Protein backbone atom coordinates (compact mmCIF):
# COMPACT_ATOMS: atom_id res chain seq x y z
CA MET A 1 -12.72 -2.77 9.16
CA ALA A 2 -12.19 0.17 11.00
CA GLY A 3 -11.70 2.94 8.89
CA ASP A 4 -12.13 6.54 8.95
CA ASP A 5 -15.90 7.07 7.93
CA THR A 6 -14.98 10.38 5.85
CA CYS A 7 -13.01 8.06 3.15
CA PRO A 8 -15.22 5.84 1.34
CA HIS A 9 -11.68 3.96 0.15
CA ILE A 10 -11.17 2.97 3.42
CA LYS A 11 -14.45 2.35 4.74
CA SER A 12 -14.90 -0.29 1.38
CA ILE A 13 -11.93 -2.98 2.80
CA HIS A 14 -13.92 -5.47 4.45
CA HIS A 15 -10.68 -8.33 4.22
CA LEU A 16 -7.03 -7.54 3.93
CA LYS A 17 -4.68 -8.30 1.32
CA HIS A 18 -1.10 -8.94 2.68
CA ALA A 19 2.38 -9.47 0.98
CA LYS A 20 3.35 -12.46 -0.16
CA ARG A 21 6.81 -11.74 0.11
CA GLY A 22 9.07 -9.56 1.91
CA GLU A 23 10.33 -7.66 -1.17
CA CYS A 24 9.35 -4.70 -3.55
CA GLU A 25 8.31 -6.38 -6.82
CA GLU A 26 9.38 -3.65 -9.16
CA CYS A 27 12.57 -3.32 -7.44
CA MET A 28 13.37 -6.82 -7.60
CA LYS A 29 12.69 -6.59 -11.51
CA SER A 30 15.46 -3.90 -11.47
CA GLY A 31 17.99 -4.86 -8.92
CA ASP A 32 17.06 -1.74 -6.76
CA THR A 33 16.91 -0.98 -3.20
CA TRP A 34 13.78 -0.23 -0.95
CA VAL A 35 13.12 1.41 2.91
CA HIS A 36 9.63 -0.07 3.08
CA LEU A 37 6.76 -2.03 1.52
CA ARG A 38 3.05 -1.42 1.21
CA THR A 39 0.59 -3.84 -0.47
CA CYS A 40 -2.08 -2.51 -2.62
CA GLN A 41 -5.74 -3.27 -1.43
CA SER A 42 -7.36 -3.73 -4.75
CA CYS A 43 -4.55 -6.22 -6.26
CA GLY A 44 -2.61 -7.85 -3.77
CA VAL A 45 0.76 -6.37 -5.18
CA THR A 46 3.25 -5.48 -3.03
CA LEU A 47 5.70 -2.34 -3.68
CA CYS A 48 7.88 0.55 -1.64
CA CYS A 49 7.21 3.45 -0.19
CA ASP A 50 7.41 7.07 -0.87
CA SER A 51 10.61 7.10 1.13
CA SER A 52 12.12 4.67 -1.51
CA PRO A 53 13.82 6.29 -4.20
CA ASN A 54 11.44 4.50 -6.90
CA ARG A 55 8.37 5.41 -5.03
CA HIS A 56 6.70 2.04 -7.09
CA ALA A 57 2.95 1.95 -4.37
CA SER A 58 2.65 5.49 -4.93
CA ARG A 59 2.89 4.91 -8.89
CA HIS A 60 1.05 2.07 -9.16
CA ALA A 61 -1.80 4.04 -7.38
CA THR A 62 -1.77 6.75 -9.81
CA VAL A 63 -1.52 4.88 -12.59
CA SER A 64 -3.88 1.73 -11.60
CA GLY A 65 -6.64 3.29 -9.75
CA HIS A 66 -6.52 1.33 -7.22
CA PRO A 67 -6.69 3.57 -3.73
CA VAL A 68 -5.77 1.68 -0.82
CA VAL A 69 -2.68 0.08 0.53
CA ILE A 70 -1.47 -1.42 3.87
CA SER A 71 1.88 -1.29 5.50
CA ALA A 72 3.61 -4.72 4.82
CA GLU A 73 5.68 -3.97 7.80
CA PRO A 74 5.76 -6.44 10.50
CA GLY A 75 3.59 -5.19 13.36
CA ALA A 76 2.13 -2.19 11.52
CA ARG A 77 -1.46 -2.16 11.14
CA TRP A 78 -2.76 0.88 9.58
CA MET A 79 -3.63 1.54 5.72
CA TYR A 80 -3.45 4.63 3.50
CA CYS A 81 -5.75 6.33 0.63
CA PHE A 82 -3.71 8.12 -1.58
CA PRO A 83 -6.35 9.72 -3.66
CA ASP A 84 -7.99 11.26 -0.52
CA ASP A 85 -4.67 11.64 1.75
CA VAL A 86 -6.20 9.74 4.71
CA MET A 87 -4.09 7.37 6.95
CA ALA A 88 -6.66 5.02 9.59
CA GLU A 89 -5.56 1.86 11.98
CA TYR A 90 -6.66 -1.45 11.71
């Protein structure tokens, strides 16, 4: 996987987990809306981005310690590491 050599979290991603559905799992439970989606590369959960009202993806990263997400948006090919604040294309 192509990644930023300065981020060991991104460098450790060898197989991508893609969104199973096009919705934020937490927003669906509460009936809220989202802007964009991110998929956790540790557990595969798909949650909303920081532009969304609930910021579920970053909250998940903080609580779970799962550092890397990929964009779940069609055509997007990038990943982001929360603790290192690093983005990389794949």
